[in-house]
Amino acid sequence: MTAAPPTPTFLDDRLAYWAETTPDAECMTYGDRTWTYAEFDERVRRAAAGLRDLGLGRGDVVAFLDKNHPACVEVTMAAASRGLATAVINWRLAGDELDYTINDSGARVLFVGTELVPAIELIRDKLSTVEEIIEVTPDGDESDEYEAWLVASEPVGPAPAHTPDDVCLVMYSSGTTGRPKGVMLSHRSMVAHTINAHDGWELEPGDKSLVAMPLFHVGGTSYVQFALHDGFPSIMTREPDPVSLATAIMKGANSAFLVPALAQMALAGGPEAIALFGKLKFFTYGAAPMPLPLLRRAMEAWPETKFMQVYGLTEVCGVITHLLPEAHLDDEHPERLLSAGVPIPEVETRVVDPFTLEDVPEGQPGELWFRTPQLMKGFLNKPEATAEVITEDGWFRTGDVGRFVDGYVYVEDRIKDMIVTGGENVYSPEVERVLTGHPAVAEVAVIGVPDERWGETVKAVVALREGEAVSEEELIAFTRTQLAGYKCPSSIDIVELLPRNPSGKILKRDLRKSYWPEAGRQI
C-alpha cells in the first residue's frame, strides 16, 4: 500500500513532493503547452532564483497582472518559497484603480501580460514602488521576457528562514472606502483551506481539473491548489469563455469550478454544448447565487454530473461552507438547494445580532461569523479595517446576513453593500462615488438586482439636481470612463426622491424589495 503524502506546511510542498515521487506525471496544460510535475517544479525553482537575484527577500511583494497564465502560479509558489508574497492584480481594473492597487501592494517587481503592457505604460510614472517589469506572453514565444528570465536562473530551493505564518498571497477585495483592500493570506491559512475545502472533492486516476476562474479571484487561485495538492493534471484556460471551456473539456478536463452564468451559457448553447458539458464529472459552482430554476435545469440536463455549491470569502481563502453532491439529490429536503450547505471541517460558526453582538436563536437571521485556521492575517496596511472584522478572540465578521437550520446555512442578504455579478465583487459606494461626480446627479443608491445569467447585476437609482436632465445611457457611459466594465450599472432608474428612514439614511432594503419579489432573498 502506497504511503499517503505528508501533510504540507508550505504552499509549494506538495508540488515538490509530486515532482520527486511522480516526476513524469502530467501537471499543467495551457494552450499547446504541457508540463510534467518535474518540469513545473523546476520552473518554480528557477523563478525563485530569479527573484532572489533581483534582490528580493522575505517580506517583499511581487505583483502579477495578466489573464490566466500558469506563470502566475509559478511566480506565486516561487515567491512563497522565498518568504515573499504575490499580489495577484485584477486585469479588468481601469484608470486609477490599477495604479492604486499596485502601489498599495508595495510590489517591487511587476509581471505583466503582453495585452496589459499598454495599460502599464500609461501609468508607469505613477508606480512608486515597482523597480522591475517583466513581460509575459500568452504563448511563451521567443520574445517572452519571462521565459528568458527563467532560463537565465539556476533552480534554487526554499529559503530556510520563511515560516508558515508568512504572507504568501495578497488578494484584493473591495473595501469600506470604495477602494480595494489587500487581503493577506499566509501559507498556514492557504494550506488549511486546501485540506478543508477538499472535503467532497474527489478525483480518480484519469480525471483532470479545469482551471477557468480568474486567478485574481480567490476562486481561481485557491482552486488551482486542489489538483496540485493531489498530484492530478490541470488544464488552465486563459479566460472562461465558451470556446475555451469546450476545448478544455475535449482535452479531458472533467472537474470544474465555475460561476452559475457559465451553466446558463452552456444550457443556451444548444444540444452539442449541453452534451459536451455533460462530460463533467464534477461541477462546483459558487461566487454568485445560482437561481433555483437554473440549478434544476442543469441537474436535469446533466444527470450524471455531481454538483457541489460553495460559499466563501476572500478573507478565509475561499470556501467556508459547501452543499455536497448528495444534498443536491436529497428528495426529502429539497429546500436545501436554496442553502449554501454546511460548514467545511475546522470551521466554527455563530449567527450574531450585528447591533447587540448577541447570538440569535437557530433559524433566526443575523450576521454570519466564522472562526477557522483559514482566516487571513488581516488587510494590508489597514489595521483599523482589520479590527473591524476580526474580533479579539478570532471570529471573522462576514458582513453577510444568514441563518442556520438543521446545520445548513442560508445566506440571505448583506450588511455591507456588496454586489456579486458573474463572480465579481462590486462595492456599491465605489459606483456611487463615480455617479455623484456627474454634474446632473443629486444623489444615488446602487444595489444588486436579480439576473438570470449573472446571478445579479448592478443597478443605480438616481435623483437628479433641480433643473437638470440626463439619460440613463449617458450616465452609464459616464461610469465606463472611470470604472471597470463589470462595475458599471447595467440599468439606471431616475426618480424624484430616494426612500429614507427618519434619520435620513437611504433605505436600500426598500429599493431592493421591488426587484426581488420572488427570489426569497436579497443576495
Protein backbone atom coordinates (compact mmCIF):
# COMPACT_ATOMS: atom_id res chain seq x y z
CA MET A 1 0.00 0.00 0.00
CA THR A 2 1.38 3.39 -1.02
CA ALA A 3 2.01 5.74 1.89
CA ALA A 4 -0.06 8.91 1.99
CA PRO A 5 1.83 12.10 1.12
CA PRO A 6 2.96 14.09 4.15
CA THR A 7 0.72 16.94 5.27
CA PRO A 8 2.09 20.11 3.67
CA THR A 9 3.34 23.06 5.68
CA PHE A 10 4.13 25.49 2.88
CA LEU A 11 2.25 26.38 -0.29
CA ASP A 12 4.78 24.67 -2.56
CA ASP A 13 5.32 21.47 -0.50
CA ARG A 14 3.01 19.20 -2.46
CA LEU A 15 4.37 20.36 -5.82
CA ALA A 16 7.86 19.41 -4.66
CA TYR A 17 6.57 16.08 -3.35
CA TRP A 18 4.93 15.07 -6.64
CA ALA A 19 7.95 16.30 -8.61
CA GLU A 20 10.05 13.83 -6.64
CA THR A 21 7.65 10.87 -6.48
CA THR A 22 5.82 11.13 -9.84
CA PRO A 23 8.13 13.37 -11.91
CA ASP A 24 6.74 12.35 -15.30
CA ALA A 25 3.07 12.74 -14.37
CA GLU A 26 1.16 15.46 -16.22
CA CYS A 27 0.86 18.61 -14.12
CA MET A 28 -0.37 21.57 -16.17
CA THR A 29 -1.70 22.13 -19.69
CA TYR A 30 -2.14 25.61 -21.11
CA GLY A 31 -2.91 26.07 -24.78
CA ASP A 32 -0.49 23.91 -26.73
CA ARG A 33 1.98 23.51 -23.84
CA THR A 34 2.01 20.79 -21.19
CA TRP A 35 4.43 20.40 -18.26
CA THR A 36 5.09 17.39 -16.05
CA TYR A 37 5.34 17.78 -12.30
CA ALA A 38 9.16 17.71 -12.51
CA GLU A 39 9.17 20.36 -15.25
CA PHE A 40 6.69 22.61 -13.46
CA ASP A 41 8.60 22.34 -10.19
CA GLU A 42 11.85 23.20 -11.98
CA ARG A 43 10.23 26.33 -13.42
CA VAL A 44 9.10 27.34 -9.93
CA ARG A 45 12.63 26.84 -8.56
CA ARG A 46 14.13 28.87 -11.41
CA ALA A 47 11.65 31.67 -10.71
CA ALA A 48 12.64 31.53 -7.03
CA ALA A 49 16.29 32.03 -8.02
CA GLY A 50 15.35 34.86 -10.33
CA LEU A 51 13.50 36.67 -7.55
CA ARG A 52 16.46 36.20 -5.23
CA ASP A 53 18.82 37.57 -7.85
CA LEU A 54 16.64 40.66 -8.22
CA GLY A 55 17.41 41.38 -4.58
CA LEU A 56 14.03 40.39 -3.16
CA GLY A 57 13.88 38.84 0.28
CA ARG A 58 11.47 37.77 2.98
CA GLY A 59 8.57 40.19 3.38
CA ASP A 60 8.84 41.72 -0.09
CA VAL A 61 5.96 41.69 -2.56
CA VAL A 62 5.75 40.97 -6.28
CA ALA A 63 2.68 41.65 -8.41
CA PHE A 64 1.21 39.67 -11.29
CA LEU A 65 -1.10 41.31 -13.83
CA ASP A 66 -2.45 39.18 -16.66
CA LYS A 67 -5.31 36.99 -17.72
CA ASN A 68 -4.99 33.40 -16.57
CA HIS A 69 -1.48 32.07 -17.12
CA PRO A 70 0.49 29.26 -15.42
CA ALA A 71 3.26 31.81 -14.83
CA CYS A 72 1.04 33.34 -12.16
CA VAL A 73 1.03 30.02 -10.29
CA GLU A 74 4.77 29.61 -10.82
CA VAL A 75 5.57 33.09 -9.52
CA THR A 76 3.21 32.69 -6.57
CA MET A 77 4.84 29.43 -5.49
CA ALA A 78 8.36 30.67 -6.17
CA ALA A 79 7.82 33.84 -4.18
CA ALA A 80 6.17 31.90 -1.36
CA SER A 81 9.15 29.55 -1.14
CA ARG A 82 11.41 32.55 -0.51
CA GLY A 83 9.18 34.21 2.08
CA LEU A 84 7.72 36.72 -0.39
CA ALA A 85 4.07 37.47 -1.17
CA THR A 86 2.43 37.73 -4.59
CA ALA A 87 -0.30 40.30 -5.19
CA VAL A 88 -2.50 38.98 -8.00
CA ILE A 89 -3.98 42.08 -9.64
CA ASN A 90 -7.38 42.17 -11.34
CA TRP A 91 -6.58 42.77 -15.01
CA ARG A 92 -10.05 44.23 -15.52
CA LEU A 93 -9.36 47.29 -13.35
CA ALA A 94 -9.49 50.64 -15.11
CA GLY A 95 -7.87 54.04 -14.71
CA ASP A 96 -6.60 54.95 -11.26
CA GLU A 97 -7.89 51.65 -9.85
CA LEU A 98 -4.89 49.90 -11.38
CA ASP A 99 -2.07 52.12 -10.14
CA TYR A 100 -3.75 52.44 -6.72
CA THR A 101 -3.81 48.66 -6.28
CA ILE A 102 -0.25 48.05 -7.47
CA ASN A 103 1.09 50.86 -5.28
CA ASP A 104 -0.93 49.71 -2.29
CA SER A 105 0.62 46.24 -2.59
CA GLY A 106 4.12 47.72 -2.39
CA ALA A 107 5.25 45.43 -5.22
CA ARG A 108 8.92 45.78 -6.18
CA VAL A 109 8.60 43.57 -9.27
CA LEU A 110 5.63 43.52 -11.65
CA PHE A 111 4.96 40.63 -14.02
CA VAL A 112 2.59 41.83 -16.73
CA GLY A 113 0.94 40.10 -19.67
CA THR A 114 1.60 41.42 -23.16
CA GLU A 115 -2.01 42.54 -23.59
CA LEU A 116 -1.79 44.66 -20.44
CA VAL A 117 1.55 46.33 -21.21
CA PRO A 118 -0.08 49.39 -22.85
CA ALA A 119 -2.14 49.99 -19.70
CA ILE A 120 1.01 49.85 -17.57
CA GLU A 121 2.90 52.19 -19.90
CA LEU A 122 0.20 54.80 -19.31
CA ILE A 123 0.72 54.73 -15.55
CA ARG A 124 4.38 53.73 -15.30
CA ASP A 125 5.41 57.04 -13.73
CA LYS A 126 2.78 56.56 -11.02
CA LEU A 127 4.08 53.15 -9.89
CA SER A 128 6.15 54.35 -6.98
CA THR A 129 7.46 51.01 -5.67
CA VAL A 130 7.97 48.99 -8.87
CA GLU A 131 11.66 48.58 -9.72
CA GLU A 132 11.42 45.91 -12.41
CA ILE A 133 8.77 44.95 -15.00
CA ILE A 134 8.88 41.53 -16.69
CA GLU A 135 6.60 40.87 -19.65
CA VAL A 136 4.80 37.53 -20.05
CA THR A 137 3.45 36.49 -23.46
CA PRO A 138 0.41 34.21 -23.74
CA ASP A 139 2.24 31.56 -25.77
CA GLY A 140 5.76 31.71 -24.34
CA ASP A 141 7.28 32.64 -27.69
CA GLU A 142 10.89 33.65 -28.37
CA SER A 143 10.26 37.26 -27.32
CA ASP A 144 8.95 36.26 -23.91
CA GLU A 145 10.97 38.11 -21.25
CA TYR A 146 9.59 35.81 -18.55
CA GLU A 147 10.81 32.65 -20.30
CA ALA A 148 14.24 34.22 -20.84
CA TRP A 149 14.33 35.23 -17.18
CA LEU A 150 13.62 31.63 -16.12
CA VAL A 151 16.29 30.17 -18.41
CA ALA A 152 18.88 32.58 -17.03
CA SER A 153 18.44 31.27 -13.48
CA GLU A 154 19.58 28.01 -11.91
CA PRO A 155 16.96 26.30 -9.73
CA VAL A 156 17.09 27.09 -6.02
CA GLY A 157 15.24 25.55 -3.08
CA PRO A 158 13.09 27.26 -0.44
CA ALA A 159 14.61 29.89 1.81
CA PRO A 160 15.32 28.41 5.25
CA ALA A 161 14.09 31.49 7.13
CA HIS A 162 10.48 31.61 5.96
CA THR A 163 7.66 30.38 8.24
CA PRO A 164 4.11 29.04 7.80
CA ASP A 165 2.76 32.36 9.07
CA ASP A 166 4.48 34.39 6.36
CA VAL A 167 2.10 36.06 3.92
CA CYS A 168 2.24 34.28 0.57
CA LEU A 169 -0.68 35.92 -1.24
CA VAL A 170 -2.33 39.33 -1.32
CA MET A 171 -5.76 39.13 -2.95
CA TYR A 172 -7.65 42.36 -3.47
CA SER A 173 -11.23 42.78 -2.32
CA SER A 174 -13.38 45.91 -2.33
CA GLY A 175 -13.28 47.91 0.90
CA THR A 176 -15.42 50.17 3.02
CA THR A 177 -13.99 53.30 1.41
CA GLY A 178 -14.77 52.07 -2.09
CA ARG A 179 -11.06 51.32 -2.68
CA PRO A 180 -9.77 47.74 -2.90
CA LYS A 181 -8.27 46.20 0.22
CA GLY A 182 -5.37 43.77 0.14
CA VAL A 183 -6.28 40.53 1.93
CA MET A 184 -3.12 38.95 3.37
CA LEU A 185 -3.18 35.15 3.23
CA SER A 186 -0.47 33.03 4.84
CA HIS A 187 0.94 29.60 4.00
CA ARG A 188 -0.86 28.24 7.04
CA SER A 189 -4.27 29.59 6.02
CA MET A 190 -3.94 28.57 2.36
CA VAL A 191 -2.85 25.03 3.24
CA ALA A 192 -5.72 24.74 5.73
CA HIS A 193 -8.15 25.84 3.03
CA THR A 194 -6.83 23.33 0.51
CA ILE A 195 -7.21 20.50 3.00
CA ASN A 196 -10.57 21.51 4.48
CA ALA A 197 -12.32 22.68 1.31
CA HIS A 198 -11.07 19.48 -0.32
CA ASP A 199 -13.84 17.61 1.51
CA GLY A 200 -16.23 16.29 -1.15
CA TRP A 201 -13.80 16.99 -4.00
CA GLU A 202 -12.66 13.56 -5.13
CA LEU A 203 -10.74 12.82 -8.32
CA GLU A 204 -9.74 9.41 -9.62
CA PRO A 205 -6.96 8.32 -11.99
CA GLY A 206 -7.66 9.78 -15.42
CA ASP A 207 -9.52 12.84 -14.11
CA LYS A 208 -8.34 16.35 -14.92
CA SER A 209 -9.14 19.65 -13.23
CA LEU A 210 -10.39 22.60 -15.28
CA VAL A 211 -8.93 25.89 -14.01
CA ALA A 212 -11.06 28.60 -15.61
CA MET A 213 -11.91 31.04 -12.82
CA PRO A 214 -9.65 34.11 -12.95
CA LEU A 215 -6.55 33.77 -10.80
CA PHE A 216 -7.02 37.30 -9.42
CA HIS A 217 -10.13 35.84 -7.77
CA VAL A 218 -9.68 33.61 -4.74
CA GLY A 219 -11.90 31.09 -6.54
CA GLY A 220 -9.17 30.68 -9.14
CA THR A 221 -6.01 30.96 -7.05
CA SER A 222 -7.27 28.69 -4.27
CA TYR A 223 -8.95 26.21 -6.63
CA VAL A 224 -5.79 25.60 -8.65
CA GLN A 225 -4.18 24.28 -5.47
CA PHE A 226 -6.53 21.29 -5.26
CA ALA A 227 -5.12 19.31 -8.19
CA LEU A 228 -1.55 20.28 -7.24
CA HIS A 229 -2.25 19.01 -3.73
CA ASP A 230 -3.45 15.64 -5.05
CA GLY A 231 -0.97 15.25 -7.90
CA PHE A 232 -3.58 15.39 -10.67
CA PRO A 233 -3.35 17.20 -14.03
CA SER A 234 -4.88 20.64 -14.55
CA ILE A 235 -5.99 22.29 -17.78
CA MET A 236 -5.96 26.08 -17.48
CA THR A 237 -7.90 28.38 -19.78
CA ARG A 238 -6.88 31.98 -20.37
CA GLU A 239 -10.49 33.11 -19.96
CA PRO A 240 -13.70 31.26 -19.03
CA ASP A 241 -15.31 31.77 -22.44
CA PRO A 242 -17.43 29.01 -24.05
CA VAL A 243 -14.86 28.10 -26.70
CA SER A 244 -12.01 27.79 -24.19
CA LEU A 245 -14.14 25.74 -21.82
CA ALA A 246 -15.28 23.44 -24.62
CA THR A 247 -11.68 22.95 -25.77
CA ALA A 248 -10.55 22.08 -22.25
CA ILE A 249 -13.38 19.56 -21.81
CA MET A 250 -12.49 17.94 -25.12
CA LYS A 251 -8.89 17.62 -23.83
CA GLY A 252 -10.18 15.63 -20.87
CA ALA A 253 -10.98 18.20 -18.17
CA ASN A 254 -13.89 16.77 -16.20
CA SER A 255 -13.87 18.62 -12.86
CA ALA A 256 -14.57 22.34 -12.77
CA PHE A 257 -15.36 25.26 -10.52
CA LEU A 258 -17.46 27.77 -12.47
CA VAL A 259 -19.82 30.65 -11.83
CA PRO A 260 -23.53 29.92 -12.46
CA ALA A 261 -23.55 32.22 -15.50
CA LEU A 262 -21.45 29.65 -17.36
CA ALA A 263 -24.05 26.94 -16.73
CA GLN A 264 -26.62 29.29 -18.24
CA MET A 265 -24.41 29.81 -21.30
CA ALA A 266 -23.92 26.07 -21.77
CA LEU A 267 -27.64 25.33 -21.50
CA ALA A 268 -28.37 28.07 -24.02
CA GLY A 269 -25.73 26.77 -26.41
CA GLY A 270 -27.85 24.02 -27.95
CA PRO A 271 -27.69 20.21 -27.92
CA GLU A 272 -23.97 19.96 -28.73
CA ALA A 273 -22.94 22.31 -25.93
CA ILE A 274 -25.24 20.55 -23.47
CA ALA A 275 -23.81 17.16 -24.43
CA LEU A 276 -20.24 18.43 -24.12
CA PHE A 277 -20.75 19.91 -20.65
CA GLY A 278 -22.38 16.63 -19.67
CA LYS A 279 -18.86 15.15 -19.73
CA LEU A 280 -18.11 17.00 -16.49
CA LYS A 281 -17.89 14.58 -13.59
CA PHE A 282 -17.87 17.40 -11.01
CA PHE A 283 -19.49 20.81 -11.42
CA THR A 284 -18.68 23.01 -8.44
CA TYR A 285 -20.42 26.36 -8.57
CA GLY A 286 -20.24 29.48 -6.46
CA ALA A 287 -19.02 33.10 -6.31
CA ALA A 288 -22.58 34.15 -7.23
CA PRO A 289 -26.07 32.87 -6.43
CA MET A 290 -27.39 30.04 -8.62
CA PRO A 291 -31.09 30.73 -9.32
CA LEU A 292 -33.06 27.63 -8.35
CA PRO A 293 -34.72 27.23 -11.79
CA LEU A 294 -31.29 27.31 -13.43
CA LEU A 295 -29.89 24.75 -10.98
CA ARG A 296 -32.81 22.38 -11.61
CA ARG A 297 -32.38 22.74 -15.38
CA ALA A 298 -28.65 21.99 -15.07
CA MET A 299 -29.24 18.94 -12.89
CA GLU A 300 -31.86 17.65 -15.35
CA ALA A 301 -29.62 18.28 -18.36
CA TRP A 302 -26.56 16.62 -16.76
CA PRO A 303 -27.90 13.78 -14.57
CA GLU A 304 -24.52 12.02 -14.34
CA THR A 305 -22.71 15.15 -13.10
CA LYS A 306 -22.10 15.66 -9.39
CA PHE A 307 -23.00 19.21 -8.35
CA MET A 308 -21.46 20.98 -5.38
CA GLN A 309 -22.13 24.55 -4.27
CA VAL A 310 -19.58 26.56 -2.31
CA TYR A 311 -19.96 29.79 -0.34
CA GLY A 312 -16.97 31.71 0.86
CA LEU A 313 -14.99 34.90 1.10
CA THR A 314 -11.51 36.06 0.17
CA GLU A 315 -10.76 36.67 3.86
CA VAL A 316 -10.99 32.91 4.56
CA CYS A 317 -9.06 31.86 1.44
CA GLY A 318 -12.27 30.97 -0.37
CA VAL A 319 -14.66 28.20 0.67
CA ILE A 320 -16.23 28.24 4.14
CA THR A 321 -19.42 26.17 3.53
CA HIS A 322 -20.44 23.70 0.86
CA LEU A 323 -23.55 21.91 -0.34
CA LEU A 324 -22.29 18.44 -1.19
CA PRO A 325 -23.45 16.37 -4.18
CA GLU A 326 -25.62 14.05 -2.07
CA ALA A 327 -27.51 17.03 -0.62
CA HIS A 328 -28.42 18.08 -4.16
CA LEU A 329 -30.20 14.75 -4.60
CA ASP A 330 -31.97 14.62 -1.23
CA ASP A 331 -35.66 14.39 -2.16
CA GLU A 332 -36.68 14.66 1.49
CA HIS A 333 -35.10 18.10 1.82
CA PRO A 334 -35.49 19.95 -1.49
CA GLU A 335 -35.37 23.26 0.41
CA ARG A 336 -31.67 22.71 1.00
CA LEU A 337 -31.00 23.54 -2.65
CA LEU A 338 -31.59 27.15 -1.53
CA SER A 339 -28.92 26.82 1.16
CA ALA A 340 -25.16 27.27 0.99
CA GLY A 341 -24.67 23.88 2.62
CA VAL A 342 -22.80 23.06 5.80
CA PRO A 343 -19.51 24.38 7.22
CA ILE A 344 -16.39 22.64 5.97
CA PRO A 345 -14.07 20.96 8.52
CA GLU A 346 -12.37 23.06 11.22
CA VAL A 347 -14.91 25.87 10.88
CA GLU A 348 -16.75 27.20 13.94
CA THR A 349 -19.92 29.20 13.31
CA ARG A 350 -22.07 31.82 15.00
CA VAL A 351 -25.11 33.85 13.92
CA VAL A 352 -24.96 37.19 15.69
CA ASP A 353 -27.20 40.21 16.03
CA PRO A 354 -24.94 42.85 14.43
CA PHE A 355 -26.14 45.53 16.84
CA THR A 356 -26.22 43.73 20.20
CA LEU A 357 -23.45 41.24 19.26
CA GLU A 358 -25.52 38.52 20.94
CA ASP A 359 -26.09 35.14 19.31
CA VAL A 360 -29.55 34.76 17.81
CA PRO A 361 -31.72 31.62 18.12
CA GLU A 362 -31.41 28.94 15.46
CA GLY A 363 -33.44 29.75 12.39
CA GLN A 364 -33.32 33.49 13.01
CA PRO A 365 -31.29 35.76 10.72
CA GLY A 366 -28.14 37.50 11.88
CA GLU A 367 -24.59 38.25 10.80
CA LEU A 368 -22.59 35.14 9.94
CA TRP A 369 -19.41 34.82 12.00
CA PHE A 370 -16.76 32.16 11.38
CA ARG A 371 -13.63 31.06 13.23
CA THR A 372 -11.21 29.00 11.17
CA PRO A 373 -7.48 28.40 10.61
CA GLN A 374 -8.14 29.65 7.07
CA LEU A 375 -8.59 33.22 8.28
CA MET A 376 -6.49 35.97 6.73
CA LYS A 377 -3.75 37.71 8.69
CA GLY A 378 -5.51 40.99 8.02
CA PHE A 379 -5.87 43.77 5.46
CA LEU A 380 -2.58 45.09 4.11
CA ASN A 381 -1.66 48.42 5.71
CA LYS A 382 -5.13 48.71 7.25
CA PRO A 383 -5.08 47.62 10.93
CA GLU A 384 -8.23 49.59 11.75
CA ALA A 385 -10.20 47.88 8.97
CA THR A 386 -8.82 44.52 10.15
CA ALA A 387 -10.01 45.19 13.71
CA GLU A 388 -13.49 45.94 12.41
CA VAL A 389 -13.92 42.43 11.01
CA ILE A 390 -11.78 40.20 13.28
CA THR A 391 -12.66 40.05 16.96
CA GLU A 392 -10.06 39.74 19.69
CA ASP A 393 -10.89 36.05 20.10
CA GLY A 394 -10.51 35.31 16.39
CA TRP A 395 -14.04 35.45 14.98
CA PHE A 396 -14.43 36.82 11.47
CA ARG A 397 -17.45 39.05 10.90
CA THR A 398 -18.54 38.38 7.32
CA GLY A 399 -20.98 41.25 6.89
CA ASP A 400 -23.37 38.70 5.37
CA VAL A 401 -26.80 38.03 6.84
CA GLY A 402 -27.85 34.39 7.14
CA ARG A 403 -29.45 31.77 9.35
CA PHE A 404 -28.79 28.15 10.27
CA VAL A 405 -31.48 25.47 10.02
CA ASP A 406 -30.55 21.86 10.92
CA GLY A 407 -26.90 22.66 10.34
CA TYR A 408 -27.40 24.22 6.91
CA VAL A 409 -26.61 27.88 6.33
CA TYR A 410 -28.93 30.08 4.28
CA VAL A 411 -27.24 33.30 3.09
CA GLU A 412 -29.94 35.88 2.52
CA ASP A 413 -28.63 39.43 2.48
CA ARG A 414 -25.57 41.62 3.02
CA ILE A 415 -24.85 44.08 5.75
CA LYS A 416 -22.13 45.52 3.59
CA ASP A 417 -23.31 46.73 0.21
CA MET A 418 -21.52 44.18 -1.92
CA ILE A 419 -22.94 43.09 -5.25
CA VAL A 420 -21.76 39.81 -6.78
CA THR A 421 -22.17 39.81 -10.55
CA GLY A 422 -20.83 36.87 -12.53
CA GLY A 423 -18.48 36.02 -9.66
CA GLU A 424 -17.06 39.54 -9.45
CA ASN A 425 -17.47 41.66 -6.31
CA VAL A 426 -18.72 45.21 -6.77
CA TYR A 427 -18.83 47.54 -3.78
CA SER A 428 -21.71 49.97 -4.24
CA PRO A 429 -20.07 53.05 -2.62
CA GLU A 430 -17.38 52.90 -5.31
CA VAL A 431 -20.01 53.14 -8.06
CA GLU A 432 -21.96 55.76 -6.11
CA ARG A 433 -18.80 57.85 -5.74
CA VAL A 434 -18.41 57.97 -9.54
CA LEU A 435 -22.07 58.70 -10.29
CA THR A 436 -22.29 61.54 -7.79
CA GLY A 437 -19.44 63.14 -9.71
CA HIS A 438 -21.77 63.74 -12.64
CA PRO A 439 -23.00 67.36 -12.61
CA ALA A 440 -26.65 66.35 -13.09
CA VAL A 441 -26.79 63.87 -10.20
CA ALA A 442 -28.01 64.93 -6.76
CA GLU A 443 -27.93 61.54 -5.03
CA VAL A 444 -27.72 57.90 -5.92
CA ALA A 445 -28.16 54.43 -4.43
CA VAL A 446 -26.54 51.40 -6.08
CA ILE A 447 -27.97 47.94 -5.47
CA GLY A 448 -27.79 44.45 -6.93
CA VAL A 449 -30.82 43.15 -8.82
CA PRO A 450 -31.51 39.57 -9.95
CA ASP A 451 -30.23 38.45 -13.32
CA GLU A 452 -30.77 35.03 -14.88
CA ARG A 453 -27.32 34.97 -16.46
CA TRP A 454 -25.04 36.71 -13.93
CA GLY A 455 -26.87 35.98 -10.67
CA GLU A 456 -27.27 39.70 -10.11
CA THR A 457 -26.27 42.89 -11.89
CA VAL A 458 -25.56 46.45 -10.84
CA LYS A 459 -28.48 48.89 -10.82
CA ALA A 460 -28.35 52.57 -9.87
CA VAL A 461 -31.35 54.54 -8.64
CA VAL A 462 -30.66 58.22 -9.23
CA ALA A 463 -32.26 61.51 -8.21
CA LEU A 464 -31.24 64.49 -10.34
CA ARG A 465 -30.44 68.05 -9.37
CA GLU A 466 -33.25 70.51 -9.86
CA GLY A 467 -33.48 71.67 -13.45
CA GLU A 468 -31.04 69.03 -14.74
CA ALA A 469 -31.75 66.37 -17.33
CA VAL A 470 -29.66 63.34 -18.34
CA SER A 471 -30.48 59.97 -19.86
CA GLU A 472 -29.81 56.51 -18.47
CA GLU A 473 -27.44 55.84 -21.40
CA GLU A 474 -25.43 58.99 -20.73
CA LEU A 475 -24.97 58.10 -17.07
CA ILE A 476 -23.85 54.54 -17.86
CA ALA A 477 -21.38 55.88 -20.43
CA PHE A 478 -20.07 58.30 -17.79
CA THR A 479 -19.30 55.44 -15.37
CA ARG A 480 -17.50 53.50 -18.09
CA THR A 481 -14.84 56.18 -18.31
CA GLN A 482 -13.86 55.61 -14.68
CA LEU A 483 -14.76 52.04 -13.70
CA ALA A 484 -14.10 48.52 -14.90
CA GLY A 485 -16.95 47.39 -17.13
CA TYR A 486 -18.36 44.83 -14.69
CA LYS A 487 -18.74 47.55 -12.03
CA CYS A 488 -20.82 49.84 -14.24
CA PRO A 489 -24.62 49.82 -13.87
CA SER A 490 -26.44 47.71 -16.43
CA SER A 491 -29.53 49.81 -15.79
CA ILE A 492 -30.40 53.10 -14.11
CA ASP A 493 -33.74 54.29 -12.77
CA ILE A 494 -34.20 58.04 -12.47
CA VAL A 495 -36.57 59.01 -9.64
CA GLU A 496 -37.66 62.19 -7.90
CA LEU A 497 -36.68 61.09 -4.39
CA LEU A 498 -34.90 58.17 -2.79
CA PRO A 499 -36.60 56.45 0.18
CA ARG A 500 -35.11 57.36 3.57
CA ASN A 501 -35.60 56.47 7.21
CA PRO A 502 -36.32 59.16 9.85
CA SER A 503 -32.61 59.79 10.35
CA GLY A 504 -32.13 60.45 6.66
CA LYS A 505 -30.39 57.19 5.67
CA ILE A 506 -31.32 55.85 2.23
CA LEU A 507 -33.35 52.64 2.60
CA LYS A 508 -31.65 50.29 0.18
CA ARG A 509 -33.66 47.38 1.52
CA ASP A 510 -36.84 49.13 0.38
CA LEU A 511 -35.33 49.72 -3.04
CA ARG A 512 -34.34 46.07 -3.36
CA LYS A 513 -37.81 44.76 -2.48
CA SER A 514 -39.34 45.87 -5.77
CA TYR A 515 -36.64 43.97 -7.72
CA TRP A 516 -36.52 40.75 -5.65
CA PRO A 517 -40.23 39.93 -5.19
CA GLU A 518 -39.98 36.21 -5.96
CA ALA A 519 -36.42 35.46 -5.00
CA GLY A 520 -36.93 34.79 -1.29
CA ARG A 521 -33.65 36.58 -0.62
CA GLN A 522 -31.86 39.82 -1.43
CA ILE A 523 -28.42 38.49 -2.31
